[in-house]
PDB file of N, CA and C in Angstrom:
ATOM      1  N   MET A   1       2.593  -5.511 -46.925  1.00  0.00           N
ATOM      2  CA  MET A   1       2.506  -5.808 -45.509  1.00  0.00           C
ATOM      3  C   MET A   1       2.037  -7.255 -45.342  1.00  0.00           C
ATOM      4  N   PRO A   2       2.791  -8.070 -44.628  1.00  0.00           N
ATOM      5  CA  PRO A   2       2.413  -9.476 -44.489  1.00  0.00           C
ATOM      6  C   PRO A   2       1.135  -9.621 -43.679  1.00  0.00           C
ATOM      7  N   ASN A   3       0.364 -10.640 -44.012  1.00  0.00           N
ATOM      8  CA  ASN A   3      -0.894 -10.908 -43.330  1.00  0.00           C
ATOM      9  C   ASN A   3      -0.659 -11.954 -42.238  1.00  0.00           C
ATOM     10  N   THR A   4       0.113 -11.580 -41.226  1.00  0.00           N
ATOM     11  CA  THR A   4       0.411 -12.490 -40.125  1.00  0.00           C
ATOM     12  C   THR A   4       0.192 -11.762 -38.808  1.00  0.00           C
ATOM     13  N   THR A   5       0.085 -12.528 -37.759  1.00  0.00           N
ATOM     14  CA  THR A   5      -0.069 -11.919 -36.441  1.00  0.00           C
ATOM     15  C   THR A   5       1.301 -11.570 -35.878  1.00  0.00           C
ATOM     16  N   VAL A   6       1.308 -10.605 -35.022  1.00  0.00           N
ATOM     17  CA  VAL A   6       2.539 -10.196 -34.362  1.00  0.00           C
ATOM     18  C   VAL A   6       2.693 -11.034 -33.106  1.00  0.00           C
ATOM     19  N   PRO A   7       3.836 -11.691 -32.913  1.00  0.00           N
ATOM     20  CA  PRO A   7       3.998 -12.505 -31.704  1.00  0.00           C
ATOM     21  C   PRO A   7       3.987 -11.632 -30.459  1.00  0.00           C
ATOM     22  N   ALA A   8       3.267 -12.089 -29.455  1.00  0.00           N
ATOM     23  CA  ALA A   8       3.174 -11.330 -28.197  1.00  0.00           C
ATOM     24  C   ALA A   8       4.413 -11.568 -27.363  1.00  0.00           C
ATOM     25  N   THR A   9       4.766 -10.549 -26.619  1.00  0.00           N
ATOM     26  CA  THR A   9       5.849 -10.708 -25.660  1.00  0.00           C
ATOM     27  C   THR A   9       5.212 -10.946 -24.310  1.00  0.00           C
ATOM     28  N   GLY A  10       5.428 -12.104 -23.747  1.00  0.00           N
ATOM     29  CA  GLY A  10       4.783 -12.515 -22.505  1.00  0.00           C
ATOM     30  C   GLY A  10       4.962 -11.541 -21.366  1.00  0.00           C
ATOM     31  N   GLY A  11       6.114 -10.912 -21.261  1.00  0.00           N
ATOM     32  CA  GLY A  11       6.354 -10.002 -20.155  1.00  0.00           C
ATOM     33  C   GLY A  11       5.602  -8.692 -20.269  1.00  0.00           C
ATOM     34  N   ALA A  12       5.170  -8.343 -21.478  1.00  0.00           N
ATOM     35  CA  ALA A  12       4.491  -7.066 -21.677  1.00  0.00           C
ATOM     36  C   ALA A  12       3.015  -7.133 -21.323  1.00  0.00           C
ATOM     37  N   MET A  13       2.453  -8.317 -21.301  1.00  0.00           N
ATOM     38  CA  MET A  13       1.034  -8.459 -21.024  1.00  0.00           C
ATOM     39  C   MET A  13       0.787  -8.499 -19.519  1.00  0.00           C
ATOM     40  N   PRO A  14      -0.309  -7.842 -19.066  1.00  0.00           N
ATOM     41  CA  PRO A  14      -0.615  -7.883 -17.640  1.00  0.00           C
ATOM     42  C   PRO A  14      -1.051  -9.271 -17.209  1.00  0.00           C
ATOM     43  N   ASN A  15      -0.928  -9.528 -15.924  1.00  0.00           N
ATOM     44  CA  ASN A  15      -1.384 -10.794 -15.364  1.00  0.00           C
ATOM     45  C   ASN A  15      -2.891 -10.893 -15.580  1.00  0.00           C
ATOM     46  N   PRO A  16      -3.391 -11.923 -16.283  1.00  0.00           N
ATOM     47  CA  PRO A  16      -4.818 -11.987 -16.580  1.00  0.00           C
ATOM     48  C   PRO A  16      -5.695 -12.115 -15.338  1.00  0.00           C
ATOM     49  N   GLN A  17      -5.160 -12.600 -14.244  1.00  0.00           N
ATOM     50  CA  GLN A  17      -5.940 -12.723 -13.017  1.00  0.00           C
ATOM     51  C   GLN A  17      -5.867 -11.461 -12.163  1.00  0.00           C
ATOM     52  N   GLY A  18      -4.969 -10.554 -12.448  1.00  0.00           N
ATOM     53  CA  GLY A  18      -4.801  -9.358 -11.642  1.00  0.00           C
ATOM     54  C   GLY A  18      -4.046  -9.686 -10.361  1.00  0.00           C
ATOM     55  N   PRO A  19      -3.931  -8.682  -9.481  1.00  0.00           N
ATOM     56  CA  PRO A  19      -3.191  -8.915  -8.240  1.00  0.00           C
ATOM     57  C   PRO A  19      -3.953  -9.859  -7.320  1.00  0.00           C
ATOM     58  N   LYS A  20      -3.227 -10.560  -6.468  1.00  0.00           N
ATOM     59  CA  LYS A  20      -3.880 -11.444  -5.501  1.00  0.00           C
ATOM     60  C   LYS A  20      -4.558 -10.594  -4.433  1.00  0.00           C
ATOM     61  N   LEU A  21      -5.768 -10.961  -4.098  1.00  0.00           N
ATOM     62  CA  LEU A  21      -6.532 -10.215  -3.113  1.00  0.00           C
ATOM     63  C   LEU A  21      -6.165 -10.687  -1.712  1.00  0.00           C
ATOM     64  N   ASP A  22      -5.721  -9.761  -0.906  1.00  0.00           N
ATOM     65  CA  ASP A  22      -5.408 -10.021   0.498  1.00  0.00           C
ATOM     66  C   ASP A  22      -6.266  -9.074   1.323  1.00  0.00           C
ATOM     67  N   GLU A  23      -7.412  -9.567   1.790  1.00  0.00           N
ATOM     68  CA  GLU A  23      -8.377  -8.724   2.482  1.00  0.00           C
ATOM     69  C   GLU A  23      -7.864  -8.184   3.809  1.00  0.00           C
ATOM     70  N   SER A  24      -6.761  -8.714   4.304  1.00  0.00           N
ATOM     71  CA  SER A  24      -6.216  -8.224   5.570  1.00  0.00           C
ATOM     72  C   SER A  24      -5.417  -6.933   5.379  1.00  0.00           C
ATOM     73  N   ARG A  25      -5.155  -6.557   4.141  1.00  0.00           N
ATOM     74  CA  ARG A  25      -4.390  -5.329   3.864  1.00  0.00           C
ATOM     75  C   ARG A  25      -5.212  -4.096   4.185  1.00  0.00           C
ATOM     76  N   ASP A  26      -4.519  -2.995   4.362  1.00  0.00           N
ATOM     77  CA  ASP A  26      -5.148  -1.702   4.613  1.00  0.00           C
ATOM     78  C   ASP A  26      -6.113  -1.390   3.466  1.00  0.00           C
ATOM     79  N   PRO A  27      -7.332  -0.927   3.786  1.00  0.00           N
ATOM     80  CA  PRO A  27      -8.301  -0.610   2.718  1.00  0.00           C
ATOM     81  C   PRO A  27      -7.780   0.387   1.689  1.00  0.00           C
ATOM     82  N   THR A  28      -6.955   1.321   2.116  1.00  0.00           N
ATOM     83  CA  THR A  28      -6.391   2.282   1.165  1.00  0.00           C
ATOM     84  C   THR A  28      -5.537   1.566   0.129  1.00  0.00           C
ATOM     85  N   LEU A  29      -4.774   0.564   0.558  1.00  0.00           N
ATOM     86  CA  LEU A  29      -3.949  -0.191  -0.384  1.00  0.00           C
ATOM     87  C   LEU A  29      -4.813  -1.037  -1.316  1.00  0.00           C
ATOM     88  N   LEU A  30      -5.938  -1.541  -0.806  1.00  0.00           N
ATOM     89  CA  LEU A  30      -6.850  -2.297  -1.658  1.00  0.00           C
ATOM     90  C   LEU A  30      -7.444  -1.393  -2.741  1.00  0.00           C
ATOM     91  N   VAL A  31      -7.774  -0.159  -2.371  1.00  0.00           N
ATOM     92  CA  VAL A  31      -8.291   0.803  -3.354  1.00  0.00           C
ATOM     93  C   VAL A  31      -7.223   1.088  -4.406  1.00  0.00           C
ATOM     94  N   LEU A  32      -5.987   1.247  -3.973  1.00  0.00           N
ATOM     95  CA  LEU A  32      -4.893   1.484  -4.926  1.00  0.00           C
ATOM     96  C   LEU A  32      -4.703   0.286  -5.850  1.00  0.00           C
ATOM     97  N   ASP A  33      -4.821  -0.936  -5.312  1.00  0.00           N
ATOM     98  CA  ASP A  33      -4.751  -2.136  -6.157  1.00  0.00           C
ATOM     99  C   ASP A  33      -5.848  -2.115  -7.209  1.00  0.00           C
ATOM    100  N   ALA A  34      -7.061  -1.748  -6.783  1.00  0.00           N
ATOM    101  CA  ALA A  34      -8.188  -1.694  -7.716  1.00  0.00           C
ATOM    102  C   ALA A  34      -7.941  -0.635  -8.787  1.00  0.00           C
ATOM    103  N   GLN A  35      -7.389   0.512  -8.391  1.00  0.00           N
ATOM    104  CA  GLN A  35      -7.100   1.562  -9.366  1.00  0.00           C
ATOM    105  C   GLN A  35      -6.015   1.125 -10.347  1.00  0.00           C
ATOM    106  N   ASN A  36      -5.025   0.399  -9.876  1.00  0.00           N
ATOM    107  CA  ASN A  36      -3.988  -0.122 -10.772  1.00  0.00           C
ATOM    108  C   ASN A  36      -4.583  -1.106 -11.772  1.00  0.00           C
ATOM    109  N   LEU A  37      -5.461  -1.976 -11.291  1.00  0.00           N
ATOM    110  CA  LEU A  37      -6.105  -2.942 -12.170  1.00  0.00           C
ATOM    111  C   LEU A  37      -6.985  -2.228 -13.197  1.00  0.00           C
ATOM    112  N   LEU A  38      -7.703  -1.202 -12.758  1.00  0.00           N
ATOM    113  CA  LEU A  38      -8.507  -0.411 -13.692  1.00  0.00           C
ATOM    114  C   LEU A  38      -7.637   0.222 -14.771  1.00  0.00           C
ATOM    115  N   SER A  39      -6.478   0.676 -14.394  1.00  0.00           N
ATOM    116  CA  SER A  39      -5.566   1.275 -15.362  1.00  0.00           C
ATOM    117  C   SER A  39      -5.149   0.250 -16.421  1.00  0.00           C
ATOM    118  N   GLU A  40      -4.864  -0.971 -15.984  1.00  0.00           N
ATOM    119  CA  GLU A  40      -4.523  -2.032 -16.941  1.00  0.00           C
ATOM    120  C   GLU A  40      -5.695  -2.315 -17.876  1.00  0.00           C
ATOM    121  N   ILE A  41      -6.896  -2.353 -17.318  1.00  0.00           N
ATOM    122  CA  ILE A  41      -8.088  -2.620 -18.125  1.00  0.00           C
ATOM    123  C   ILE A  41      -8.292  -1.500 -19.137  1.00  0.00           C
ATOM    124  N   LYS A  42      -8.072  -0.261 -18.721  1.00  0.00           N
ATOM    125  CA  LYS A  42      -8.214   0.864 -19.639  1.00  0.00           C
ATOM    126  C   LYS A  42      -7.234   0.755 -20.805  1.00  0.00           C
ATOM    127  N   HIS A  43      -6.010   0.326 -20.532  1.00  0.00           N
ATOM    128  CA  HIS A  43      -5.028   0.168 -21.606  1.00  0.00           C
ATOM    129  C   HIS A  43      -5.427  -0.959 -22.559  1.00  0.00           C
ATOM    130  N   LEU A  44      -5.947  -2.050 -22.006  1.00  0.00           N
ATOM    131  CA  LEU A  44      -6.413  -3.146 -22.862  1.00  0.00           C
ATOM    132  C   LEU A  44      -7.597  -2.700 -23.718  1.00  0.00           C
ATOM    133  N   ASN A  45      -8.497  -1.933 -23.126  1.00  0.00           N
ATOM    134  CA  ASN A  45      -9.642  -1.427 -23.875  1.00  0.00           C
ATOM    135  C   ASN A  45      -9.180  -0.498 -24.998  1.00  0.00           C
ATOM    136  N   GLU A  46      -8.185   0.318 -24.722  1.00  0.00           N
ATOM    137  CA  GLU A  46      -7.643   1.202 -25.755  1.00  0.00           C
ATOM    138  C   GLU A  46      -7.021   0.390 -26.890  1.00  0.00           C
ATOM    139  N   ALA A  47      -6.369  -0.718 -26.542  1.00  0.00           N
ATOM    140  CA  ALA A  47      -5.787  -1.583 -27.573  1.00  0.00           C
ATOM    141  C   ALA A  47      -6.881  -2.168 -28.465  1.00  0.00           C
ATOM    142  N   ILE A  48      -8.002  -2.553 -27.867  1.00  0.00           N
ATOM    143  CA  ILE A  48      -9.129  -3.073 -28.649  1.00  0.00           C
ATOM    144  C   ILE A  48      -9.658  -1.984 -29.579  1.00  0.00           C
ATOM    145  N   PHE A  49      -9.806  -0.777 -29.037  1.00  0.00           N
ATOM    146  CA  PHE A  49     -10.289   0.357 -29.823  1.00  0.00           C
ATOM    147  C   PHE A  49      -9.375   0.597 -31.022  1.00  0.00           C
ATOM    148  N   LEU A  50      -8.073   0.613 -30.792  1.00  0.00           N
ATOM    149  CA  LEU A  50      -7.119   0.852 -31.880  1.00  0.00           C
ATOM    150  C   LEU A  50      -7.119  -0.293 -32.891  1.00  0.00           C
ATOM    151  N   ALA A  51      -7.241  -1.523 -32.397  1.00  0.00           N
ATOM    152  CA  ALA A  51      -7.269  -2.678 -33.301  1.00  0.00           C
ATOM    153  C   ALA A  51      -8.515  -2.645 -34.183  1.00  0.00           C
ATOM    154  N   ALA A  52      -9.615  -2.141 -33.643  1.00  0.00           N
ATOM    155  CA  ALA A  52     -10.854  -2.065 -34.428  1.00  0.00           C
ATOM    156  C   ALA A  52     -10.664  -1.204 -35.666  1.00  0.00           C
ATOM    157  N   HIS A  53      -9.848  -0.169 -35.557  1.00  0.00           N
ATOM    158  CA  HIS A  53      -9.623   0.714 -36.705  1.00  0.00           C
ATOM    159  C   HIS A  53      -8.850   0.010 -37.818  1.00  0.00           C
ATOM    160  N   GLY A  54      -8.183  -1.086 -37.500  1.00  0.00           N
ATOM    161  CA  GLY A  54      -7.440  -1.825 -38.507  1.00  0.00           C
ATOM    162  C   GLY A  54      -8.249  -2.905 -39.201  1.00  0.00           C
ATOM    163  N   LEU A  55      -9.507  -3.073 -38.836  1.00  0.00           N
ATOM    164  CA  LEU A  55     -10.325  -4.138 -39.424  1.00  0.00           C
ATOM    165  C   LEU A  55     -10.645  -3.901 -40.898  1.00  0.00           C
ATOM    166  N   GLY A  56     -10.882  -2.658 -41.251  1.00  0.00           N
ATOM    167  CA  GLY A  56     -11.178  -2.350 -42.650  1.00  0.00           C
ATOM    168  C   GLY A  56     -12.646  -2.469 -43.012  1.00  0.00           C
ATOM    169  N   VAL A  57     -13.465  -3.072 -42.165  1.00  0.00           N
ATOM    170  CA  VAL A  57     -14.897  -3.180 -42.432  1.00  0.00           C
ATOM    171  C   VAL A  57     -15.594  -2.181 -41.513  1.00  0.00           C
ATOM    172  N   ARG A  58     -16.160  -1.140 -42.105  1.00  0.00           N
ATOM    173  CA  ARG A  58     -16.667  -0.010 -41.335  1.00  0.00           C
ATOM    174  C   ARG A  58     -17.677  -0.413 -40.264  1.00  0.00           C
ATOM    175  N   HIS A  59     -18.667  -1.250 -40.572  1.00  0.00           N
ATOM    176  CA  HIS A  59     -19.685  -1.566 -39.564  1.00  0.00           C
ATOM    177  C   HIS A  59     -19.113  -2.427 -38.430  1.00  0.00           C
ATOM    178  N   HIS A  60     -18.137  -3.265 -38.715  1.00  0.00           N
ATOM    179  CA  HIS A  60     -17.467  -4.021 -37.637  1.00  0.00           C
ATOM    180  C   HIS A  60     -16.665  -3.065 -36.764  1.00  0.00           C
ATOM    181  N   MET A  61     -15.951  -2.172 -37.409  1.00  0.00           N
ATOM    182  CA  MET A  61     -15.137  -1.199 -36.682  1.00  0.00           C
ATOM    183  C   MET A  61     -16.023  -0.336 -35.783  1.00  0.00           C
ATOM    184  N   ASN A  62     -17.148   0.146 -36.326  1.00  0.00           N
ATOM    185  CA  ASN A  62     -18.036   0.997 -35.544  1.00  0.00           C
ATOM    186  C   ASN A  62     -18.619   0.260 -34.348  1.00  0.00           C
ATOM    187  N   ALA A  63     -18.972  -0.997 -34.521  1.00  0.00           N
ATOM    188  CA  ALA A  63     -19.539  -1.772 -33.420  1.00  0.00           C
ATOM    189  C   ALA A  63     -18.516  -1.947 -32.292  1.00  0.00           C
ATOM    190  N   ILE A  64     -17.307  -2.288 -32.655  1.00  0.00           N
ATOM    191  CA  ILE A  64     -16.266  -2.517 -31.644  1.00  0.00           C
ATOM    192  C   ILE A  64     -15.884  -1.221 -30.951  1.00  0.00           C
ATOM    193  N   THR A  65     -15.727  -0.141 -31.697  1.00  0.00           N
ATOM    194  CA  THR A  65     -15.346   1.121 -31.065  1.00  0.00           C
ATOM    195  C   THR A  65     -16.467   1.659 -30.186  1.00  0.00           C
ATOM    196  N   THR A  66     -17.727   1.407 -30.558  1.00  0.00           N
ATOM    197  CA  THR A  66     -18.850   1.818 -29.705  1.00  0.00           C
ATOM    198  C   THR A  66     -18.809   1.076 -28.380  1.00  0.00           C
ATOM    199  N   VAL A  67     -18.567  -0.224 -28.418  1.00  0.00           N
ATOM    200  CA  VAL A  67     -18.470  -1.006 -27.180  1.00  0.00           C
ATOM    201  C   VAL A  67     -17.269  -0.544 -26.359  1.00  0.00           C
ATOM    202  N   ALA A  68     -16.147  -0.277 -27.003  1.00  0.00           N
ATOM    203  CA  ALA A  68     -14.962   0.206 -26.288  1.00  0.00           C
ATOM    204  C   ALA A  68     -15.246   1.545 -25.614  1.00  0.00           C
ATOM    205  N   ASP A  69     -16.011   2.404 -26.264  1.00  0.00           N
ATOM    206  CA  ASP A  69     -16.381   3.689 -25.658  1.00  0.00           C
ATOM    207  C   ASP A  69     -17.272   3.489 -24.429  1.00  0.00           C
ATOM    208  N   ILE A  70     -18.210   2.569 -24.503  1.00  0.00           N
ATOM    209  CA  ILE A  70     -19.086   2.276 -23.362  1.00  0.00           C
ATOM    210  C   ILE A  70     -18.266   1.731 -22.197  1.00  0.00           C
ATOM    211  N   ILE A  71     -17.336   0.828 -22.502  1.00  0.00           N
ATOM    212  CA  ILE A  71     -16.464   0.278 -21.461  1.00  0.00           C
ATOM    213  C   ILE A  71     -15.658   1.407 -20.816  1.00  0.00           C
ATOM    214  N   GLU A  72     -15.119   2.297 -21.623  1.00  0.00           N
ATOM    215  CA  GLU A  72     -14.329   3.415 -21.098  1.00  0.00           C
ATOM    216  C   GLU A  72     -15.170   4.282 -20.160  1.00  0.00           C
ATOM    217  N   ASP A  73     -16.410   4.583 -20.542  1.00  0.00           N
ATOM    218  CA  ASP A  73     -17.287   5.380 -19.685  1.00  0.00           C
ATOM    219  C   ASP A  73     -17.526   4.700 -18.339  1.00  0.00           C
ATOM    220  N   LYS A  74     -17.765   3.405 -18.368  1.00  0.00           N
ATOM    221  CA  LYS A  74     -18.012   2.674 -17.122  1.00  0.00           C
ATOM    222  C   LYS A  74     -16.751   2.589 -16.265  1.00  0.00           C
ATOM    223  N   LEU A  75     -15.603   2.427 -16.897  1.00  0.00           N
ATOM    224  CA  LEU A  75     -14.342   2.409 -16.150  1.00  0.00           C
ATOM    225  C   LEU A  75     -14.092   3.756 -15.461  1.00  0.00           C
ATOM    226  N   LEU A  76     -14.402   4.831 -16.142  1.00  0.00           N
ATOM    227  CA  LEU A  76     -14.230   6.152 -15.546  1.00  0.00           C
ATOM    228  C   LEU A  76     -15.137   6.326 -14.323  1.00  0.00           C
ATOM    229  N   LYS A  77     -16.365   5.791 -14.393  1.00  0.00           N
ATOM    230  CA  LYS A  77     -17.272   5.884 -13.251  1.00  0.00           C
ATOM    231  C   LYS A  77     -16.732   5.089 -12.061  1.00  0.00           C
ATOM    232  N   VAL A  78     -16.217   3.893 -12.330  1.00  0.00           N
ATOM    233  CA  VAL A  78     -15.638   3.080 -11.250  1.00  0.00           C
ATOM    234  C   VAL A  78     -14.433   3.795 -10.658  1.00  0.00           C
ATOM    235  N   GLU A  79     -13.631   4.390 -11.505  1.00  0.00           N
ATOM    236  CA  GLU A  79     -12.461   5.136 -11.035  1.00  0.00           C
ATOM    237  C   GLU A  79     -12.877   6.307 -10.136  1.00  0.00           C
ATOM    238  N   GLU A  80     -13.951   6.987 -10.494  1.00  0.00           N
ATOM    239  CA  GLU A  80     -14.466   8.082  -9.663  1.00  0.00           C
ATOM    240  C   GLU A  80     -14.906   7.566  -8.297  1.00  0.00           C
ATOM    241  N   ILE A  81     -15.569   6.423  -8.271  1.00  0.00           N
ATOM    242  CA  ILE A  81     -16.014   5.831  -7.004  1.00  0.00           C
ATOM    243  C   ILE A  81     -14.811   5.479  -6.137  1.00  0.00           C
ATOM    244  N   LEU A  82     -13.794   4.881  -6.743  1.00  0.00           N
ATOM    245  CA  LEU A  82     -12.594   4.523  -5.982  1.00  0.00           C
ATOM    246  C   LEU A  82     -11.856   5.766  -5.480  1.00  0.00           C
ATOM    247  N   ASP A  83     -11.812   6.813  -6.291  1.00  0.00           N
ATOM    248  CA  ASP A  83     -11.195   8.068  -5.843  1.00  0.00           C
ATOM    249  C   ASP A  83     -11.948   8.629  -4.643  1.00  0.00           C
ATOM    250  N   ALA A  84     -13.276   8.578  -4.699  1.00  0.00           N
ATOM    251  CA  ALA A  84     -14.086   9.072  -3.584  1.00  0.00           C
ATOM    252  C   ALA A  84     -13.859   8.224  -2.339  1.00  0.00           C
ATOM    253  N   ALA A  85     -13.745   6.903  -2.509  1.00  0.00           N
ATOM    254  CA  ALA A  85     -13.497   6.013  -1.362  1.00  0.00           C
ATOM    255  C   ALA A  85     -12.136   6.305  -0.743  1.00  0.00           C
ATOM    256  N   ARG A  86     -11.138   6.514  -1.575  1.00  0.00           N
ATOM    257  CA  ARG A  86      -9.804   6.817  -1.063  1.00  0.00           C
ATOM    258  C   ARG A  86      -9.798   8.166  -0.340  1.00  0.00           C
ATOM    259  N   ALA A  87     -10.469   9.149  -0.915  1.00  0.00           N
ATOM    260  CA  ALA A  87     -10.533  10.477  -0.287  1.00  0.00           C
ATOM    261  C   ALA A  87     -11.259  10.403   1.050  1.00  0.00           C
ATOM    262  N   ALA A  88     -12.335   9.639   1.113  1.00  0.00           N
ATOM    263  CA  ALA A  88     -13.082   9.493   2.367  1.00  0.00           C
ATOM    264  C   ALA A  88     -12.238   8.812   3.411  1.00  0.00           C
ATOM    265  N   ARG A  89     -11.454   7.847   3.000  1.00  0.00           N
ATOM    266  CA  ARG A  89     -10.578   7.132   3.922  1.00  0.00           C
ATOM    267  C   ARG A  89      -9.510   8.089   4.469  1.00  0.00           C
ATOM    268  N   GLU A  90      -8.937   8.925   3.609  1.00  0.00           N
ATOM    269  CA  GLU A  90      -7.898   9.865   4.040  1.00  0.00           C
ATOM    270  C   GLU A  90      -8.452  10.905   5.001  1.00  0.00           C
ATOM    271  N   VAL A  91      -9.697  11.342   4.790  1.00  0.00           N
ATOM    272  CA  VAL A  91     -10.319  12.324   5.662  1.00  0.00           C
ATOM    273  C   VAL A  91     -10.574  11.729   7.060  1.00  0.00           C
ATOM    274  N   SER A  92     -10.930  10.433   7.082  1.00  0.00           N
ATOM    275  CA  SER A  92     -11.251   9.786   8.364  1.00  0.00           C
ATOM    276  C   SER A  92     -10.020   9.478   9.187  1.00  0.00           C
ATOM    277  N   LEU A  93      -8.842   9.559   8.593  1.00  0.00           N
ATOM    278  CA  LEU A  93      -7.609   9.247   9.345  1.00  0.00           C
ATOM    279  C   LEU A  93      -7.154  10.385  10.168  1.00  0.00           C
TER     280      LEU A  93
END
């Protein structure tokens, strides 16, 4: 197996800045934008987790996967908050 990096495909990577924020949009759409961005972050975090398993050095791998797990837990909490905000918005309509 060659010891080289795999070239990235520019179109496959998410926009590093995320969607443009337009505060005049409906709050429900802003929540959906935030949830979409969270989904992208979760996929990137999963990629980090998977890449850590390829390092070959156990203590480095464990450190990275532990941080990835903490990030995942926090992302899930933010997702729960956004779900609650969206549900509250739908009830008020």
